[in-house]
Amino acid sequence: MLEINPPLLISQTVTFAVMAGVVWKLSWKPLLKFIKDRQDSIHQSIENAEKMRLAASQLEENYQQRILQVEQQTKDLIALARLEGNRAKEEVIAATQKEIAEMRKRAQEHLDLERDQIIRELRERIVTLSMELTTKIVESSSLEGISEQRFKAMLDELEKKEPARAN
């Protein structure tokens, strides 16, 4: 059945040991070195990827902060523009109100001048009519001693008293 041949067994064992030594010397150490280098390369890549992830995270945070700053600046600019718009609107309203007040004042002054002129014209007309009436009365009655100058002086005195009553 199965026979064990000791010289063959020893020669195979020696051959195996020599081959294992040759493989160890030629292949195993370079293989282990390759595996070690590969392992170091993978660890380095992982570290680099982690650094890049942290840098990307920090860049994203900076980006978000800048976005917030820009949004805040935009809000501030909008608020400032609204304030400027309101101020300009108030200035326009104030200028318009001032102009309206001046127009009213000028209109009132114009009306006062026209009123005074109409009153003077009416008084002159009344004086003229009164003088004509007085002349007719004097011609027909005994009031011959009152002169036209005296009559105008009396009317002027009445005019001085009347404006105080009118105001």
C-alpha atoms as a PDB file:
ATOM      1  CA  MET A   1       0.000   0.000   0.000  1.00  0.00           C
ATOM      2  CA  LEU A   2       1.573   3.121   0.846  1.00  0.00           C
ATOM      3  CA  GLU A   3       5.210   2.845   1.356  1.00  0.00           C
ATOM      4  CA  ILE A   4       7.340   5.512   2.879  1.00  0.00           C
ATOM      5  CA  ASN A   5      10.669   5.915   1.260  1.00  0.00           C
ATOM      6  CA  PRO A   6      12.884   7.679   3.809  1.00  0.00           C
ATOM      7  CA  PRO A   7      15.591   8.934   1.408  1.00  0.00           C
ATOM      8  CA  LEU A   8      12.915  10.337  -0.877  1.00  0.00           C
ATOM      9  CA  LEU A   9      11.170  11.937   2.055  1.00  0.00           C
ATOM     10  CA  ILE A  10      14.366  13.562   3.269  1.00  0.00           C
ATOM     11  CA  SER A  11      15.268  14.773  -0.226  1.00  0.00           C
ATOM     12  CA  GLN A  12      11.786  16.251  -0.693  1.00  0.00           C
ATOM     13  CA  THR A  13      11.967  17.872   2.744  1.00  0.00           C
ATOM     14  CA  VAL A  14      15.368  19.368   1.964  1.00  0.00           C
ATOM     15  CA  THR A  15      14.157  20.505  -1.438  1.00  0.00           C
ATOM     16  CA  PHE A  16      11.091  22.037   0.149  1.00  0.00           C
ATOM     17  CA  ALA A  17      13.222  23.820   2.758  1.00  0.00           C
ATOM     18  CA  VAL A  18      15.628  25.141   0.120  1.00  0.00           C
ATOM     19  CA  MET A  19      12.790  26.278  -2.083  1.00  0.00           C
ATOM     20  CA  ALA A  20      11.049  27.879   0.890  1.00  0.00           C
ATOM     21  CA  GLY A  21      14.308  29.687   1.711  1.00  0.00           C
ATOM     22  CA  VAL A  22      14.713  30.842  -1.895  1.00  0.00           C
ATOM     23  CA  VAL A  23      11.078  31.974  -2.049  1.00  0.00           C
ATOM     24  CA  TRP A  24      11.519  33.661   1.330  1.00  0.00           C
ATOM     25  CA  LYS A  25      14.636  35.423   0.228  1.00  0.00           C
ATOM     26  CA  LEU A  26      13.488  36.359  -3.266  1.00  0.00           C
ATOM     27  CA  SER A  27       9.733  36.754  -3.015  1.00  0.00           C
ATOM     28  CA  TRP A  28       8.541  36.965   0.569  1.00  0.00           C
ATOM     29  CA  LYS A  29      10.581  39.949   1.713  1.00  0.00           C
ATOM     30  CA  PRO A  30       9.774  41.992  -1.434  1.00  0.00           C
ATOM     31  CA  LEU A  31       6.137  40.909  -1.084  1.00  0.00           C
ATOM     32  CA  LEU A  32       6.076  42.007   2.567  1.00  0.00           C
ATOM     33  CA  LYS A  33       7.837  45.250   1.597  1.00  0.00           C
ATOM     34  CA  PHE A  34       5.276  45.808  -1.199  1.00  0.00           C
ATOM     35  CA  ILE A  35       2.409  45.123   1.222  1.00  0.00           C
ATOM     36  CA  LYS A  36       3.968  47.460   3.807  1.00  0.00           C
ATOM     37  CA  ASP A  37       4.487  50.187   1.185  1.00  0.00           C
ATOM     38  CA  ARG A  38       0.959  49.727  -0.075  1.00  0.00           C
ATOM     39  CA  GLN A  39      -0.380  49.877   3.488  1.00  0.00           C
ATOM     40  CA  ASP A  40       1.599  53.083   4.135  1.00  0.00           C
ATOM     41  CA  SER A  41       0.348  54.538   0.852  1.00  0.00           C
ATOM     42  CA  ILE A  42      -3.266  53.739   1.792  1.00  0.00           C
ATOM     43  CA  HIS A  43      -2.804  55.288   5.268  1.00  0.00           C
ATOM     44  CA  GLN A  44      -1.237  58.360   3.662  1.00  0.00           C
ATOM     45  CA  SER A  45      -4.131  58.622   1.192  1.00  0.00           C
ATOM     46  CA  ILE A  46      -6.638  58.308   4.033  1.00  0.00           C
ATOM     47  CA  GLU A  47      -4.834  61.029   5.989  1.00  0.00           C
ATOM     48  CA  ASN A  48      -4.696  63.250   2.911  1.00  0.00           C
ATOM     49  CA  ALA A  49      -8.386  62.617   2.242  1.00  0.00           C
ATOM     50  CA  GLU A  50      -9.210  63.501   5.858  1.00  0.00           C
ATOM     51  CA  LYS A  51      -7.144  66.699   5.610  1.00  0.00           C
ATOM     52  CA  MET A  52      -8.885  67.561   2.354  1.00  0.00           C
ATOM     53  CA  ARG A  53     -12.278  66.845   3.933  1.00  0.00           C
ATOM     54  CA  LEU A  54     -11.427  69.129   6.863  1.00  0.00           C
ATOM     55  CA  ALA A  55     -10.173  71.815   4.490  1.00  0.00           C
ATOM     56  CA  ALA A  56     -13.327  71.475   2.394  1.00  0.00           C
ATOM     57  CA  SER A  57     -15.436  71.667   5.546  1.00  0.00           C
ATOM     58  CA  GLN A  58     -13.587  74.791   6.647  1.00  0.00           C
ATOM     59  CA  LEU A  59     -13.978  76.318   3.181  1.00  0.00           C
ATOM     60  CA  GLU A  60     -17.690  75.560   3.317  1.00  0.00           C
ATOM     61  CA  GLU A  61     -17.934  77.231   6.727  1.00  0.00           C
ATOM     62  CA  ASN A  62     -16.052  80.262   5.410  1.00  0.00           C
ATOM     63  CA  TYR A  63     -18.322  80.306   2.377  1.00  0.00           C
ATOM     64  CA  GLN A  64     -21.419  80.151   4.597  1.00  0.00           C
ATOM     65  CA  GLN A  65     -20.053  82.970   6.776  1.00  0.00           C
ATOM     66  CA  ARG A  66     -19.341  85.092   3.709  1.00  0.00           C
ATOM     67  CA  ILE A  67     -22.850  84.408   2.420  1.00  0.00           C
ATOM     68  CA  LEU A  68     -24.251  85.525   5.779  1.00  0.00           C
ATOM     69  CA  GLN A  69     -22.068  88.639   5.689  1.00  0.00           C
ATOM     70  CA  VAL A  70     -23.192  89.452   2.160  1.00  0.00           C
ATOM     71  CA  GLU A  71     -26.829  88.917   3.140  1.00  0.00           C
ATOM     72  CA  GLN A  72     -26.371  91.190   6.158  1.00  0.00           C
ATOM     73  CA  GLN A  73     -24.661  93.828   4.027  1.00  0.00           C
ATOM     74  CA  THR A  74     -27.497  93.550   1.523  1.00  0.00           C
ATOM     75  CA  LYS A  75     -30.067  94.004   4.279  1.00  0.00           C
ATOM     76  CA  ASP A  76     -28.102  96.978   5.625  1.00  0.00           C
ATOM     77  CA  LEU A  77     -27.925  98.535   2.164  1.00  0.00           C
ATOM     78  CA  ILE A  78     -31.648  98.009   1.639  1.00  0.00           C
ATOM     79  CA  ALA A  79     -32.392  99.568   5.029  1.00  0.00           C
ATOM     80  CA  LEU A  80     -30.088 102.479   4.222  1.00  0.00           C
ATOM     81  CA  ALA A  81     -31.741 102.933   0.834  1.00  0.00           C
ATOM     82  CA  ARG A  82     -35.153 102.935   2.516  1.00  0.00           C
ATOM     83  CA  LEU A  83     -33.969 105.534   5.026  1.00  0.00           C
ATOM     84  CA  GLU A  84     -32.559 107.654   2.216  1.00  0.00           C
ATOM     85  CA  GLY A  85     -35.798 107.252   0.274  1.00  0.00           C
ATOM     86  CA  ASN A  86     -37.860 108.251   3.307  1.00  0.00           C
ATOM     87  CA  ARG A  87     -35.572 111.207   3.978  1.00  0.00           C
ATOM     88  CA  ALA A  88     -35.816 112.322   0.360  1.00  0.00           C
ATOM     89  CA  LYS A  89     -39.594 111.895   0.464  1.00  0.00           C
ATOM     90  CA  GLU A  90     -39.793 113.957   3.652  1.00  0.00           C
ATOM     91  CA  GLU A  91     -37.607 116.642   2.089  1.00  0.00           C
ATOM     92  CA  VAL A  92     -39.845 116.762  -0.967  1.00  0.00           C
ATOM     93  CA  ILE A  93     -42.951 116.915   1.220  1.00  0.00           C
ATOM     94  CA  ALA A  94     -41.427 119.662   3.387  1.00  0.00           C
ATOM     95  CA  ALA A  95     -40.365 121.655   0.309  1.00  0.00           C
ATOM     96  CA  THR A  96     -43.814 121.222  -1.221  1.00  0.00           C
ATOM     97  CA  GLN A  97     -45.525 122.294   2.007  1.00  0.00           C
ATOM     98  CA  LYS A  98     -43.215 125.310   2.228  1.00  0.00           C
ATOM     99  CA  GLU A  99     -43.971 126.205  -1.375  1.00  0.00           C
ATOM    100  CA  ILE A 100     -47.704 125.826  -0.749  1.00  0.00           C
ATOM    101  CA  ALA A 101     -47.433 128.033   2.336  1.00  0.00           C
ATOM    102  CA  GLU A 102     -45.546 130.658   0.312  1.00  0.00           C
ATOM    103  CA  MET A 103     -48.125 130.452  -2.475  1.00  0.00           C
ATOM    104  CA  ARG A 104     -50.926 130.886   0.070  1.00  0.00           C
ATOM    105  CA  LYS A 105     -49.102 133.829   1.616  1.00  0.00           C
ATOM    106  CA  ARG A 106     -48.590 135.473  -1.784  1.00  0.00           C
ATOM    107  CA  ALA A 107     -52.219 134.802  -2.694  1.00  0.00           C
ATOM    108  CA  GLN A 108     -53.372 136.277   0.607  1.00  0.00           C
ATOM    109  CA  GLU A 109     -51.143 139.325   0.095  1.00  0.00           C
ATOM    110  CA  HIS A 110     -52.498 139.691  -3.431  1.00  0.00           C
ATOM    111  CA  LEU A 111     -56.046 139.390  -2.144  1.00  0.00           C
ATOM    112  CA  ASP A 112     -55.327 141.927   0.598  1.00  0.00           C
ATOM    113  CA  LEU A 113     -53.871 144.366  -1.967  1.00  0.00           C
ATOM    114  CA  GLU A 114     -56.853 143.897  -4.254  1.00  0.00           C
ATOM    115  CA  ARG A 115     -59.248 144.317  -1.324  1.00  0.00           C
ATOM    116  CA  ASP A 116     -57.465 147.499  -0.236  1.00  0.00           C
ATOM    117  CA  GLN A 117     -57.510 148.803  -3.810  1.00  0.00           C
ATOM    118  CA  ILE A 118     -61.210 147.998  -4.151  1.00  0.00           C
ATOM    119  CA  ILE A 119     -61.910 149.705  -0.820  1.00  0.00           C
ATOM    120  CA  ARG A 120     -59.953 152.793  -1.955  1.00  0.00           C
ATOM    121  CA  GLU A 121     -61.782 152.830  -5.261  1.00  0.00           C
ATOM    122  CA  LEU A 122     -65.113 152.441  -3.479  1.00  0.00           C
ATOM    123  CA  ARG A 123     -64.234 155.228  -1.071  1.00  0.00           C
ATOM    124  CA  GLU A 124     -63.142 157.480  -3.892  1.00  0.00           C
ATOM    125  CA  ARG A 125     -66.355 156.658  -5.676  1.00  0.00           C
ATOM    126  CA  ILE A 126     -68.323 157.298  -2.497  1.00  0.00           C
ATOM    127  CA  VAL A 127     -66.407 160.574  -1.993  1.00  0.00           C
ATOM    128  CA  THR A 128     -67.135 161.561  -5.556  1.00  0.00           C
ATOM    129  CA  LEU A 129     -70.783 160.653  -5.233  1.00  0.00           C
ATOM    130  CA  SER A 130     -70.964 162.303  -1.834  1.00  0.00           C
ATOM    131  CA  MET A 131     -69.381 165.444  -3.195  1.00  0.00           C
ATOM    132  CA  GLU A 132     -71.771 165.495  -6.090  1.00  0.00           C
ATOM    133  CA  LEU A 133     -74.647 164.934  -3.720  1.00  0.00           C
ATOM    134  CA  THR A 134     -73.287 167.517  -1.326  1.00  0.00           C
ATOM    135  CA  THR A 135     -72.781 169.965  -4.155  1.00  0.00           C
ATOM    136  CA  LYS A 136     -76.346 169.498  -5.227  1.00  0.00           C
ATOM    137  CA  ILE A 137     -77.496 169.806  -1.640  1.00  0.00           C
ATOM    138  CA  VAL A 138     -75.319 172.876  -1.092  1.00  0.00           C
ATOM    139  CA  GLU A 139     -76.572 174.423  -4.228  1.00  0.00           C
ATOM    140  CA  SER A 140     -80.068 173.862  -3.053  1.00  0.00           C
ATOM    141  CA  SER A 141     -79.553 174.499   0.687  1.00  0.00           C
ATOM    142  CA  SER A 142     -77.542 176.440   3.242  1.00  0.00           C
ATOM    143  CA  LEU A 143     -74.463 174.131   3.511  1.00  0.00           C
ATOM    144  CA  GLU A 144     -72.454 176.422   1.347  1.00  0.00           C
ATOM    145  CA  GLY A 145     -69.696 176.826   3.963  1.00  0.00           C
ATOM    146  CA  ILE A 146     -68.349 173.249   3.784  1.00  0.00           C
ATOM    147  CA  SER A 147     -65.583 172.985   1.254  1.00  0.00           C
ATOM    148  CA  GLU A 148     -64.427 169.949  -0.700  1.00  0.00           C
ATOM    149  CA  GLN A 149     -61.107 169.902   1.168  1.00  0.00           C
ATOM    150  CA  ARG A 150     -62.831 169.876   4.509  1.00  0.00           C
ATOM    151  CA  PHE A 151     -65.089 167.050   3.371  1.00  0.00           C
ATOM    152  CA  LYS A 152     -62.073 164.925   2.181  1.00  0.00           C
ATOM    153  CA  ALA A 153     -60.313 165.534   5.482  1.00  0.00           C
ATOM    154  CA  MET A 154     -63.352 164.238   7.344  1.00  0.00           C
ATOM    155  CA  LEU A 155     -63.449 161.127   5.105  1.00  0.00           C
ATOM    156  CA  ASP A 156     -59.702 160.507   5.607  1.00  0.00           C
ATOM    157  CA  GLU A 157     -60.267 160.666   9.345  1.00  0.00           C
ATOM    158  CA  LEU A 158     -63.036 158.113   8.973  1.00  0.00           C
ATOM    159  CA  GLU A 159     -60.731 155.872   6.866  1.00  0.00           C
ATOM    160  CA  LYS A 160     -58.106 155.897   9.589  1.00  0.00           C
ATOM    161  CA  LYS A 161     -60.647 154.701  12.102  1.00  0.00           C
ATOM    162  CA  GLU A 162     -62.258 152.097   9.800  1.00  0.00           C
ATOM    163  CA  PRO A 163     -59.176 149.870   9.085  1.00  0.00           C
ATOM    164  CA  ALA A 164     -58.805 149.297  12.827  1.00  0.00           C
ATOM    165  CA  ARG A 165     -62.395 148.021  12.867  1.00  0.00           C
ATOM    166  CA  ALA A 166     -61.913 145.897   9.740  1.00  0.00           C
ATOM    167  CA  ASN A 167     -58.972 143.938  11.206  1.00  0.00           C
END
